[in-house]
Amino acid sequence: MDTKNSHVAARKRRKLQQAQLKVGEPPSGTGGGGGGGGADQVPQTKNTVAVLNELKRNLVYNLESQSGPVHAPLFTMSVVVSI
């Protein structure tokens, strides 16, 4: 590929990545790990553990059981919250 064609290809790739970011998709070639952190990104919802940690600090989580295959374990956890 000559220099002119490589510049055109790079320009097209940047345009495509910018268009994907505007739609909210991760840029191609990444694992979906963000891409700039602009104000137009959709906020992520918080999971239950995150909400608990915000409401009450220094919680202690206990592992009750673990089952399932090694590559996809299933954990049962408990936490005591005192008011």
C-alpha atoms as a PDB file:
ATOM      1  CA  MET A   1       0.000   0.000   0.000  1.00  0.00           C
ATOM      2  CA  ASP A   2       1.426   3.379  -0.906  1.00  0.00           C
ATOM      3  CA  THR A   3       1.532   6.370   1.438  1.00  0.00           C
ATOM      4  CA  LYS A   4      -1.509   8.116  -0.012  1.00  0.00           C
ATOM      5  CA  ASN A   5      -3.698   5.013   0.399  1.00  0.00           C
ATOM      6  CA  SER A   6      -2.476   4.446   3.961  1.00  0.00           C
ATOM      7  CA  HIS A   7      -3.387   8.043   4.904  1.00  0.00           C
ATOM      8  CA  VAL A   8      -6.851   7.624   3.364  1.00  0.00           C
ATOM      9  CA  ALA A   9      -7.340   4.341   5.246  1.00  0.00           C
ATOM     10  CA  ALA A  10      -6.251   5.940   8.527  1.00  0.00           C
ATOM     11  CA  ARG A  11      -8.639   8.867   7.986  1.00  0.00           C
ATOM     12  CA  LYS A  12     -11.542   6.504   7.269  1.00  0.00           C
ATOM     13  CA  ARG A  13     -10.694   4.455  10.379  1.00  0.00           C
ATOM     14  CA  ARG A  14     -10.730   7.596  12.573  1.00  0.00           C
ATOM     15  CA  LYS A  15     -14.078   8.686  11.093  1.00  0.00           C
ATOM     16  CA  LEU A  16     -15.558   5.264  11.805  1.00  0.00           C
ATOM     17  CA  GLN A  17     -14.284   5.293  15.396  1.00  0.00           C
ATOM     18  CA  GLN A  18     -15.698   8.785  15.966  1.00  0.00           C
ATOM     19  CA  ALA A  19     -19.068   7.718  14.574  1.00  0.00           C
ATOM     20  CA  GLN A  20     -19.111   4.667  16.846  1.00  0.00           C
ATOM     21  CA  LEU A  21     -18.344   6.821  19.892  1.00  0.00           C
ATOM     22  CA  LYS A  22     -21.232   9.144  19.040  1.00  0.00           C
ATOM     23  CA  VAL A  23     -23.620   6.175  18.930  1.00  0.00           C
ATOM     24  CA  GLY A  24     -22.279   4.874  22.263  1.00  0.00           C
ATOM     25  CA  GLU A  25     -20.465   1.820  20.938  1.00  0.00           C
ATOM     26  CA  PRO A  26     -16.900   1.056  22.001  1.00  0.00           C
ATOM     27  CA  PRO A  27     -14.275   1.738  19.353  1.00  0.00           C
ATOM     28  CA  SER A  28     -13.350  -1.310  17.285  1.00  0.00           C
ATOM     29  CA  GLY A  29     -10.231  -3.138  18.364  1.00  0.00           C
ATOM     30  CA  THR A  30     -10.746  -2.557  22.076  1.00  0.00           C
ATOM     31  CA  GLY A  31     -12.348  -4.736  24.690  1.00  0.00           C
ATOM     32  CA  GLY A  32     -15.139  -2.231  25.174  1.00  0.00           C
ATOM     33  CA  GLY A  33     -13.287  -0.391  27.898  1.00  0.00           C
ATOM     34  CA  GLY A  34     -14.603   3.097  27.298  1.00  0.00           C
ATOM     35  CA  GLY A  35     -13.093   5.574  24.966  1.00  0.00           C
ATOM     36  CA  GLY A  36     -12.763   9.102  26.136  1.00  0.00           C
ATOM     37  CA  GLY A  37     -15.351   9.444  28.879  1.00  0.00           C
ATOM     38  CA  GLY A  38     -17.408  12.140  27.188  1.00  0.00           C
ATOM     39  CA  ALA A  39     -20.575  13.666  28.595  1.00  0.00           C
ATOM     40  CA  ASP A  40     -22.658  11.895  25.938  1.00  0.00           C
ATOM     41  CA  GLN A  41     -22.009   8.413  27.404  1.00  0.00           C
ATOM     42  CA  VAL A  42     -24.837   6.470  29.020  1.00  0.00           C
ATOM     43  CA  PRO A  43     -24.337   6.148  32.814  1.00  0.00           C
ATOM     44  CA  GLN A  44     -23.891   2.627  34.139  1.00  0.00           C
ATOM     45  CA  THR A  45     -26.372   1.281  36.663  1.00  0.00           C
ATOM     46  CA  LYS A  46     -24.996   0.235  40.044  1.00  0.00           C
ATOM     47  CA  ASN A  47     -25.167  -3.329  41.279  1.00  0.00           C
ATOM     48  CA  THR A  48     -26.492  -4.269  44.713  1.00  0.00           C
ATOM     49  CA  VAL A  49     -23.057  -4.481  46.324  1.00  0.00           C
ATOM     50  CA  ALA A  50     -22.136  -0.986  45.125  1.00  0.00           C
ATOM     51  CA  VAL A  51     -25.368   0.465  46.531  1.00  0.00           C
ATOM     52  CA  LEU A  52     -24.839  -1.297  49.881  1.00  0.00           C
ATOM     53  CA  ASN A  53     -21.275  -0.007  50.106  1.00  0.00           C
ATOM     54  CA  GLU A  54     -22.471   3.556  49.479  1.00  0.00           C
ATOM     55  CA  LEU A  55     -25.196   3.350  52.125  1.00  0.00           C
ATOM     56  CA  LYS A  56     -23.114   1.682  54.822  1.00  0.00           C
ATOM     57  CA  ARG A  57     -19.322   1.721  55.043  1.00  0.00           C
ATOM     58  CA  ASN A  58     -17.038  -1.089  56.287  1.00  0.00           C
ATOM     59  CA  LEU A  59     -19.418  -3.966  55.643  1.00  0.00           C
ATOM     60  CA  VAL A  60     -18.108  -7.500  56.083  1.00  0.00           C
ATOM     61  CA  TYR A  61     -19.114 -10.023  53.429  1.00  0.00           C
ATOM     62  CA  ASN A  62     -18.977 -13.748  54.266  1.00  0.00           C
ATOM     63  CA  LEU A  63     -18.580 -16.553  51.746  1.00  0.00           C
ATOM     64  CA  GLU A  64     -21.362 -19.045  52.528  1.00  0.00           C
ATOM     65  CA  SER A  65     -20.760 -21.517  49.690  1.00  0.00           C
ATOM     66  CA  GLN A  66     -19.107 -22.004  46.339  1.00  0.00           C
ATOM     67  CA  SER A  67     -20.330 -24.389  43.659  1.00  0.00           C
ATOM     68  CA  GLY A  68     -20.161 -24.918  39.924  1.00  0.00           C
ATOM     69  CA  PRO A  69     -17.279 -25.618  37.579  1.00  0.00           C
ATOM     70  CA  VAL A  70     -13.850 -24.052  38.034  1.00  0.00           C
ATOM     71  CA  HIS A  71     -14.266 -21.842  34.954  1.00  0.00           C
ATOM     72  CA  ALA A  72     -17.673 -20.480  36.106  1.00  0.00           C
ATOM     73  CA  PRO A  73     -18.027 -20.652  39.899  1.00  0.00           C
ATOM     74  CA  LEU A  74     -21.220 -19.661  41.689  1.00  0.00           C
ATOM     75  CA  PHE A  75     -20.735 -17.906  45.030  1.00  0.00           C
ATOM     76  CA  THR A  76     -23.298 -17.469  47.807  1.00  0.00           C
ATOM     77  CA  MET A  77     -22.413 -14.514  50.013  1.00  0.00           C
ATOM     78  CA  SER A  78     -23.972 -13.012  53.113  1.00  0.00           C
ATOM     79  CA  VAL A  79     -23.704  -9.635  54.774  1.00  0.00           C
ATOM     80  CA  VAL A  80     -25.194  -8.360  58.035  1.00  0.00           C
ATOM     81  CA  VAL A  81     -26.297  -4.734  58.001  1.00  0.00           C
ATOM     82  CA  SER A  82     -27.000  -3.112  61.345  1.00  0.00           C
ATOM     83  CA  ILE A  83     -28.919   0.117  61.379  1.00  0.00           C
END
